[in-house]
Amino acid sequence: MMKTAELNLVQEWDKTFPKSDKVDHKKVVFANHFGITLAADMYTPKNKEGKLPAIAVSGPFGAVKEQASGLYAQTMAARGFLTIAFDPSFTGESGGFPRYMHSPDIDVEDFQAAVDFLSVQDKVDPEKIGIIGICGWGGMALQTACVDTRIKATVTSTMYDMSRVAGNGYFDSEDNEESRHKMRVMLNNKRTEDFRNGEYVRQGGVIDPLPDDAPYFVKDYHAYYKTPRGYHARSLNSNDGWNATAGTSLMNTRLFTYSKEIRSAVLMIHGEKAHSCYMSRDAYADMVKDSKYTENKELYIIPDASHTDLYDGGEGNYIPFDKMQEFFEKCFV
C-alpha cells in the first residue's frame, strides 16, 4: 500500500450544493504513483447491502470537488453507486508542490489512483468501476479509458480536449506554426522570469469584473464560478487560476491517440449550444472511426444546453442523471 501524506482536510460541509439525506459522506485520502496524496469526498448510498458498483469523478479543469464533481458524485450515490469526487494533484485539498500545476500524465495517473483506491474498498465490486470526467477532466477521463482496462464504463460531460486548446487555440484559430512558436517563446521567457523571482505567477482564473464585450461562454463561466452559484474559495477557476507556465506539457502532446482501441463502454455528453461541443463531436468521431468497438459507444447531445449548464444543471436542469444511471447499470450487469 502506498504511503499517504497527512493533509489538512476541512470536515464541515462547504460544498456549492446542498447535502443529501440519501447518502453518507466522509473524507478519504489515497496516493498516486507519483507519491502525491489526493483528497476525496466519498459518498455511500444509505441502506444498500453487499458489494456496490463504484464511480470516480473529477472536474471541471481548475475546479474542486466541492463544485460540479461533488454534485455528480453525490447524485450518483443517491442512485445506488459508491462514489468519490477527488481533487487532482496540486489543487484543492490534495497534495503536490508546487501548487496549481498540472500535467496530462499526472492527470491520468490521478484517475488511475482513484480506481486503485476504489478497487480495494470492502463495499466495492472491483469488476464494476466507472469514471466520470467533467470539462477538461472529461478529456482526461477518456484518455484514462484508453489505458486502464479496469474501467468498465466512462462518461465524459461537456468535455474539453485540453491538448487541442493548448496547441491550436479555441476553435483551432491558432493552429499554425507561427502562433505556437510565439506561445512557446512567451511561456519559456516566463519560466526564466519565475525562476529568477523565486515564485510562479498565476493566470487563467475567470475574469472579474466581466467586460461588456466578453464572449458568451466567458459570461457563462463568470455566472458559475464568480457567483454564489458555483464560487469556491479553493477553486482555481473561481480565483487566480493556474501557474501561468503549467500548460507547456499539454502543448507538446495530443490526447486520445488510442481511443479507437477502447473496448469498454463510453458515453460522451455535451450541450448543443456549448462553445466546446465540437471537441466531443470530433473526439467521438475519431474514437469510432475504423474501430472494432463501436456498439458500446454513444454521443449524447442535449438540446439548448450550454457548456456550464452541465456543471450544475443550469436553469434547465440539463444534467442527464437518468441517462447516466441507465448507462452505468447496463455496463455493470
Protein backbone atom coordinates (compact mmCIF):
# COMPACT_ATOMS: atom_id res chain seq x y z
CA MET A 1 0.00 0.00 0.00
CA MET A 2 1.43 3.37 -0.99
CA LYS A 3 2.04 5.78 1.88
CA THR A 4 -0.10 8.89 2.10
CA ALA A 5 0.93 12.26 3.46
CA GLU A 6 -1.21 13.88 6.13
CA LEU A 7 -3.47 16.57 4.68
CA ASN A 8 -5.37 19.33 6.44
CA LEU A 9 -8.92 18.46 5.39
CA VAL A 10 -11.98 20.61 6.03
CA GLN A 11 -14.55 18.48 7.84
CA GLU A 12 -17.59 20.77 7.78
CA TRP A 13 -19.85 20.81 4.74
CA ASP A 14 -18.51 23.53 2.42
CA LYS A 15 -19.93 22.44 -0.94
CA THR A 16 -21.71 24.59 -3.51
CA PHE A 17 -24.67 22.19 -3.39
CA PRO A 18 -26.89 21.00 -0.51
CA LYS A 19 -26.14 17.80 1.37
CA SER A 20 -28.34 14.82 0.53
CA ASP A 21 -30.01 12.78 3.25
CA LYS A 22 -29.87 9.72 0.99
CA VAL A 23 -26.10 9.19 1.29
CA ASP A 24 -23.36 9.00 3.88
CA HIS A 25 -20.39 11.28 3.34
CA LYS A 26 -16.79 11.25 4.54
CA LYS A 27 -13.35 12.50 3.51
CA VAL A 28 -10.81 9.94 2.28
CA VAL A 29 -7.23 10.09 1.01
CA PHE A 30 -5.10 7.92 -1.28
CA ALA A 31 -1.74 8.23 -3.02
CA ASN A 32 -0.94 8.12 -6.72
CA HIS A 33 2.17 6.57 -8.25
CA PHE A 34 3.99 9.88 -8.09
CA GLY A 35 3.67 9.82 -4.31
CA ILE A 36 1.12 12.64 -4.22
CA THR A 37 -1.70 12.26 -1.72
CA LEU A 38 -5.13 13.01 -3.14
CA ALA A 39 -8.12 14.17 -1.12
CA ALA A 40 -11.60 12.98 -1.99
CA ASP A 41 -15.18 13.04 -0.77
CA MET A 42 -16.71 9.58 -0.58
CA TYR A 43 -20.48 9.27 -0.96
CA THR A 44 -22.11 5.96 0.01
CA PRO A 45 -25.81 5.24 -0.56
CA LYS A 46 -27.71 4.53 2.62
CA ASN A 47 -29.46 1.19 3.18
CA LYS A 48 -27.51 -0.61 0.48
CA GLU A 49 -26.12 -4.05 1.28
CA GLY A 50 -23.39 -6.08 -0.39
CA LYS A 51 -20.76 -5.04 -2.89
CA LEU A 52 -21.61 -1.84 -4.74
CA PRO A 53 -20.69 -0.52 -8.19
CA ALA A 54 -18.38 2.48 -7.87
CA ILE A 55 -17.62 5.67 -9.79
CA ALA A 56 -14.73 8.15 -9.52
CA VAL A 57 -15.49 11.73 -10.57
CA SER A 58 -13.32 14.78 -11.25
CA GLY A 59 -13.55 18.15 -12.98
CA PRO A 60 -14.05 20.67 -14.34
CA PHE A 61 -10.47 21.64 -15.13
CA GLY A 62 -9.48 24.15 -12.45
CA ALA A 63 -12.46 23.33 -10.23
CA VAL A 64 -12.51 21.46 -6.92
CA LYS A 65 -14.54 18.57 -5.58
CA GLU A 66 -16.82 20.94 -3.69
CA GLN A 67 -18.23 22.11 -7.03
CA ALA A 68 -19.56 20.15 -10.02
CA SER A 69 -17.75 16.84 -9.45
CA GLY A 70 -19.14 16.61 -5.93
CA LEU A 71 -22.65 17.26 -7.20
CA TYR A 72 -22.27 14.47 -9.76
CA ALA A 73 -20.79 12.11 -7.17
CA GLN A 74 -23.45 12.74 -4.53
CA THR A 75 -26.29 12.46 -7.05
CA MET A 76 -24.99 9.16 -8.43
CA ALA A 77 -24.52 7.85 -4.89
CA ALA A 78 -28.16 8.63 -4.15
CA ARG A 79 -28.93 6.41 -7.14
CA GLY A 80 -27.08 3.41 -5.73
CA PHE A 81 -23.38 3.82 -6.56
CA LEU A 82 -20.50 4.27 -4.16
CA THR A 83 -18.72 7.34 -5.47
CA ILE A 84 -15.73 9.57 -4.85
CA ALA A 85 -15.10 13.09 -6.10
CA PHE A 86 -11.40 13.92 -5.89
CA ASP A 87 -9.19 16.98 -6.12
CA PRO A 88 -6.42 16.47 -8.70
CA SER A 89 -2.75 16.71 -7.76
CA PHE A 90 -1.51 20.21 -6.86
CA THR A 91 -5.03 21.59 -6.37
CA GLY A 92 -7.76 21.90 -3.77
CA GLU A 93 -7.17 19.82 -0.65
CA SER A 94 -4.87 17.37 -2.45
CA GLY A 95 -1.10 17.37 -2.07
CA GLY A 96 1.62 18.17 -4.57
CA PHE A 97 4.10 21.02 -4.81
CA PRO A 98 4.47 23.50 -6.40
CA ARG A 99 0.81 24.32 -6.25
CA TYR A 100 -1.52 24.94 -9.20
CA MET A 101 0.44 22.79 -11.65
CA HIS A 102 -0.87 20.07 -13.94
CA SER A 103 0.40 17.51 -16.41
CA PRO A 104 -1.61 15.17 -18.66
CA ASP A 105 0.47 12.23 -17.43
CA ILE A 106 -0.20 13.01 -13.76
CA ASP A 107 -3.85 13.81 -14.52
CA VAL A 108 -4.35 10.33 -15.97
CA GLU A 109 -2.45 8.83 -13.04
CA ASP A 110 -4.82 10.62 -10.64
CA PHE A 111 -7.80 8.88 -12.26
CA GLN A 112 -5.96 5.55 -12.15
CA ALA A 113 -5.12 6.10 -8.48
CA ALA A 114 -8.81 6.70 -7.82
CA VAL A 115 -9.54 3.34 -9.46
CA ASP A 116 -6.80 1.76 -7.32
CA PHE A 117 -8.50 3.10 -4.21
CA LEU A 118 -11.99 2.01 -5.19
CA SER A 119 -10.80 -1.45 -6.22
CA VAL A 120 -9.77 -2.39 -2.67
CA GLN A 121 -12.72 -0.96 -0.74
CA ASP A 122 -14.71 -3.58 1.17
CA LYS A 123 -18.04 -2.25 -0.10
CA VAL A 124 -16.98 -2.04 -3.78
CA ASP A 125 -17.28 -4.67 -6.50
CA PRO A 126 -13.91 -4.24 -8.30
CA GLU A 127 -15.43 -5.56 -11.52
CA LYS A 128 -17.93 -2.68 -11.58
CA ILE A 129 -15.91 0.53 -11.57
CA GLY A 130 -16.55 3.54 -13.80
CA ILE A 131 -15.36 7.13 -14.08
CA ILE A 132 -16.94 10.49 -14.88
CA GLY A 133 -14.90 13.43 -16.14
CA ILE A 134 -16.32 16.93 -16.50
CA CYS A 135 -14.97 19.63 -18.85
CA GLY A 136 -11.17 19.24 -19.14
CA TRP A 137 -11.35 16.23 -16.90
CA GLY A 138 -13.71 14.68 -19.42
CA GLY A 139 -10.73 14.63 -21.76
CA MET A 140 -8.55 13.12 -19.05
CA ALA A 141 -11.23 10.52 -18.33
CA LEU A 142 -11.31 9.46 -21.98
CA GLN A 143 -7.51 9.39 -22.04
CA THR A 144 -7.53 7.16 -18.93
CA ALA A 145 -10.04 4.81 -20.54
CA CYS A 146 -7.50 4.31 -23.33
CA VAL A 147 -5.06 2.70 -20.90
CA ASP A 148 -6.91 1.37 -17.83
CA THR A 149 -8.78 -1.86 -18.55
CA ARG A 150 -10.20 -1.98 -15.02
CA ILE A 151 -12.58 0.82 -16.01
CA LYS A 152 -15.78 -0.75 -17.30
CA ALA A 153 -17.59 2.46 -18.23
CA THR A 154 -16.62 6.09 -18.85
CA VAL A 155 -18.80 9.19 -19.00
CA THR A 156 -17.48 12.49 -20.30
CA SER A 157 -19.62 15.57 -19.68
CA THR A 158 -19.14 18.86 -21.56
CA MET A 159 -15.69 17.53 -22.50
CA TYR A 160 -12.67 19.70 -23.26
CA ASP A 161 -9.68 18.37 -25.18
CA MET A 162 -7.13 20.44 -23.26
CA SER A 163 -4.26 19.41 -25.52
CA ARG A 164 -6.13 20.65 -28.59
CA VAL A 165 -6.89 24.01 -26.98
CA ALA A 166 -3.31 24.38 -25.73
CA GLY A 167 -1.82 23.62 -29.15
CA ASN A 168 -4.43 25.05 -31.51
CA GLY A 169 -6.31 27.72 -29.55
CA TYR A 170 -10.08 27.91 -29.24
CA PHE A 171 -11.89 26.66 -32.34
CA ASP A 172 -8.44 25.81 -33.82
CA SER A 173 -7.99 29.53 -34.56
CA GLU A 174 -4.24 29.36 -33.83
CA ASP A 175 -3.46 26.01 -35.43
CA ASN A 176 -0.29 27.14 -37.19
CA GLU A 177 3.44 27.01 -36.53
CA GLU A 178 3.90 30.76 -36.02
CA SER A 179 1.23 31.00 -33.33
CA ARG A 180 2.62 28.01 -31.49
CA HIS A 181 6.16 29.40 -31.72
CA LYS A 182 5.09 32.73 -30.24
CA MET A 183 3.35 30.92 -27.39
CA ARG A 184 6.44 28.79 -26.72
CA VAL A 185 8.67 31.86 -26.62
CA MET A 186 6.31 33.64 -24.23
CA LEU A 187 5.97 30.66 -21.87
CA ASN A 188 9.67 29.89 -21.76
CA ASN A 189 10.57 33.51 -21.10
CA LYS A 190 8.03 33.41 -18.29
CA ARG A 191 9.74 30.31 -16.87
CA THR A 192 13.04 32.20 -16.67
CA GLU A 193 11.35 35.17 -15.03
CA ASP A 194 9.56 32.97 -12.49
CA PHE A 195 12.77 31.11 -11.63
CA ARG A 196 14.63 34.39 -11.18
CA ASN A 197 11.90 35.75 -8.90
CA GLY A 198 11.50 32.51 -6.97
CA GLU A 199 7.74 32.27 -7.42
CA TYR A 200 5.22 31.13 -10.01
CA VAL A 201 2.82 33.73 -11.37
CA ARG A 202 -0.78 32.55 -11.70
CA GLN A 203 -3.22 33.26 -14.50
CA GLY A 204 -6.31 31.77 -16.08
CA GLY A 205 -8.91 32.34 -13.39
CA VAL A 206 -12.28 33.56 -14.66
CA ILE A 207 -12.05 37.26 -15.45
CA ASP A 208 -13.71 39.60 -12.97
CA PRO A 209 -15.15 42.18 -13.36
CA LEU A 210 -16.65 40.97 -16.58
CA PRO A 211 -16.21 43.26 -19.62
CA ASP A 212 -19.34 44.05 -21.60
CA ASP A 213 -17.85 42.61 -24.80
CA ALA A 214 -16.84 39.27 -23.26
CA PRO A 215 -17.71 36.21 -25.39
CA TYR A 216 -20.88 34.45 -24.29
CA PHE A 217 -19.04 31.44 -22.94
CA VAL A 218 -16.84 33.67 -20.76
CA LYS A 219 -20.05 35.18 -19.39
CA ASP A 220 -21.28 31.64 -18.69
CA TYR A 221 -18.09 30.85 -16.80
CA HIS A 222 -18.47 34.04 -14.77
CA ALA A 223 -22.08 33.22 -13.95
CA TYR A 224 -20.93 29.93 -12.44
CA TYR A 225 -17.50 30.50 -10.89
CA LYS A 226 -17.85 34.11 -9.73
CA THR A 227 -21.31 34.00 -8.15
CA PRO A 228 -22.79 32.07 -5.21
CA ARG A 229 -23.99 29.53 -7.76
CA GLY A 230 -20.53 27.97 -8.06
CA TYR A 231 -17.87 30.07 -6.33
CA HIS A 232 -15.49 28.24 -4.01
CA ALA A 233 -12.50 29.63 -2.15
CA ARG A 234 -10.20 26.76 -3.22
CA SER A 235 -11.26 26.69 -6.87
CA LEU A 236 -8.62 27.88 -9.32
CA ASN A 237 -11.26 28.99 -11.80
CA SER A 238 -13.08 30.95 -9.10
CA ASN A 239 -9.88 32.73 -8.12
CA ASP A 240 -6.40 33.33 -9.60
CA GLY A 241 -6.02 30.36 -11.93
CA TRP A 242 -3.13 28.02 -12.67
CA ASN A 243 0.60 28.50 -12.65
CA ALA A 244 0.96 30.56 -15.85
CA THR A 245 3.52 28.15 -17.35
CA ALA A 246 1.64 24.97 -16.44
CA GLY A 247 0.29 24.35 -19.94
CA THR A 248 3.55 23.61 -21.75
CA SER A 249 3.18 19.83 -21.44
CA LEU A 250 -0.29 19.99 -22.97
CA MET A 251 1.09 21.94 -25.94
CA ASN A 252 3.55 19.14 -26.59
CA THR A 253 1.16 16.20 -26.66
CA ARG A 254 -2.14 15.03 -28.09
CA LEU A 255 -4.79 13.13 -26.18
CA PHE A 256 -6.91 10.20 -27.44
CA THR A 257 -4.25 8.65 -29.71
CA TYR A 258 -5.56 5.16 -28.94
CA SER A 259 -9.22 5.97 -28.29
CA LYS A 260 -10.43 3.70 -31.09
CA GLU A 261 -8.91 0.79 -29.12
CA ILE A 262 -11.09 1.41 -26.04
CA ARG A 263 -13.08 -1.78 -25.55
CA SER A 264 -15.10 -0.62 -22.54
CA ALA A 265 -18.24 1.50 -22.80
CA VAL A 266 -18.07 5.27 -23.33
CA LEU A 267 -20.89 7.82 -23.12
CA MET A 268 -19.98 11.34 -24.25
CA ILE A 269 -22.47 14.03 -23.16
CA HIS A 270 -22.45 17.59 -24.43
CA GLY A 271 -24.74 20.59 -24.70
CA GLU A 272 -25.85 21.57 -28.19
CA LYS A 273 -25.13 25.26 -27.54
CA ALA A 274 -21.81 24.72 -25.77
CA HIS A 275 -18.88 26.50 -27.39
CA SER A 276 -16.91 23.32 -26.71
CA CYS A 277 -19.33 20.90 -28.38
CA TYR A 278 -17.04 20.47 -31.39
CA MET A 279 -14.49 18.79 -29.12
CA SER A 280 -16.84 15.96 -28.15
CA ARG A 281 -18.16 15.61 -31.69
CA ASP A 282 -14.65 15.30 -33.11
CA ALA A 283 -13.32 13.07 -30.32
CA TYR A 284 -16.30 10.74 -30.71
CA ALA A 285 -15.86 10.59 -34.49
CA ASP A 286 -12.17 9.75 -34.08
CA MET A 287 -12.97 7.12 -31.43
CA VAL A 288 -15.41 5.18 -33.59
CA LYS A 289 -13.72 5.60 -36.97
CA ASP A 290 -12.26 2.27 -38.10
CA SER A 291 -12.84 0.88 -34.59
CA LYS A 292 -13.99 -2.66 -33.81
CA TYR A 293 -15.64 -1.49 -30.57
CA THR A 294 -18.41 0.90 -31.57
CA GLU A 295 -21.50 -0.84 -30.20
CA ASN A 296 -20.93 0.42 -26.65
CA LYS A 297 -20.04 4.00 -27.61
CA GLU A 298 -22.52 6.88 -27.68
CA LEU A 299 -22.51 10.64 -28.26
CA TYR A 300 -25.46 12.23 -26.45
CA ILE A 301 -26.20 15.86 -27.39
CA ILE A 302 -28.56 17.83 -25.14
CA PRO A 303 -30.67 20.44 -26.96
CA ASP A 304 -30.32 24.07 -25.80
CA ALA A 305 -27.70 23.30 -23.12
CA SER A 306 -24.55 25.41 -22.82
CA HIS A 307 -21.12 24.34 -21.55
CA THR A 308 -21.66 25.36 -17.92
CA ASP A 309 -25.26 24.09 -17.86
CA LEU A 310 -23.68 20.65 -17.38
CA TYR A 311 -21.75 21.83 -14.31
CA ASP A 312 -24.80 22.13 -12.09
CA GLY A 313 -27.78 21.68 -14.40
CA GLY A 314 -28.34 25.36 -15.12
CA GLU A 315 -31.85 26.76 -15.27
CA GLY A 316 -32.99 23.86 -17.42
CA ASN A 317 -31.82 21.09 -15.09
CA TYR A 318 -29.83 19.78 -18.05
CA ILE A 319 -27.57 17.14 -16.46
CA PRO A 320 -28.97 13.78 -17.69
CA PHE A 321 -28.56 11.80 -14.46
CA ASP A 322 -31.24 9.29 -15.55
CA LYS A 323 -29.24 8.64 -18.73
CA MET A 324 -26.01 8.17 -16.78
CA GLN A 325 -27.63 5.85 -14.27
CA GLU A 326 -29.09 3.70 -17.07
CA PHE A 327 -25.69 3.66 -18.83
CA PHE A 328 -23.72 2.55 -15.78
CA GLU A 329 -26.29 -0.02 -14.70
CA LYS A 330 -26.26 -1.58 -18.17
CA CYS A 331 -22.46 -1.69 -18.17
CA PHE A 332 -22.27 -3.18 -14.68
CA VAL A 333 -24.64 -6.11 -15.27
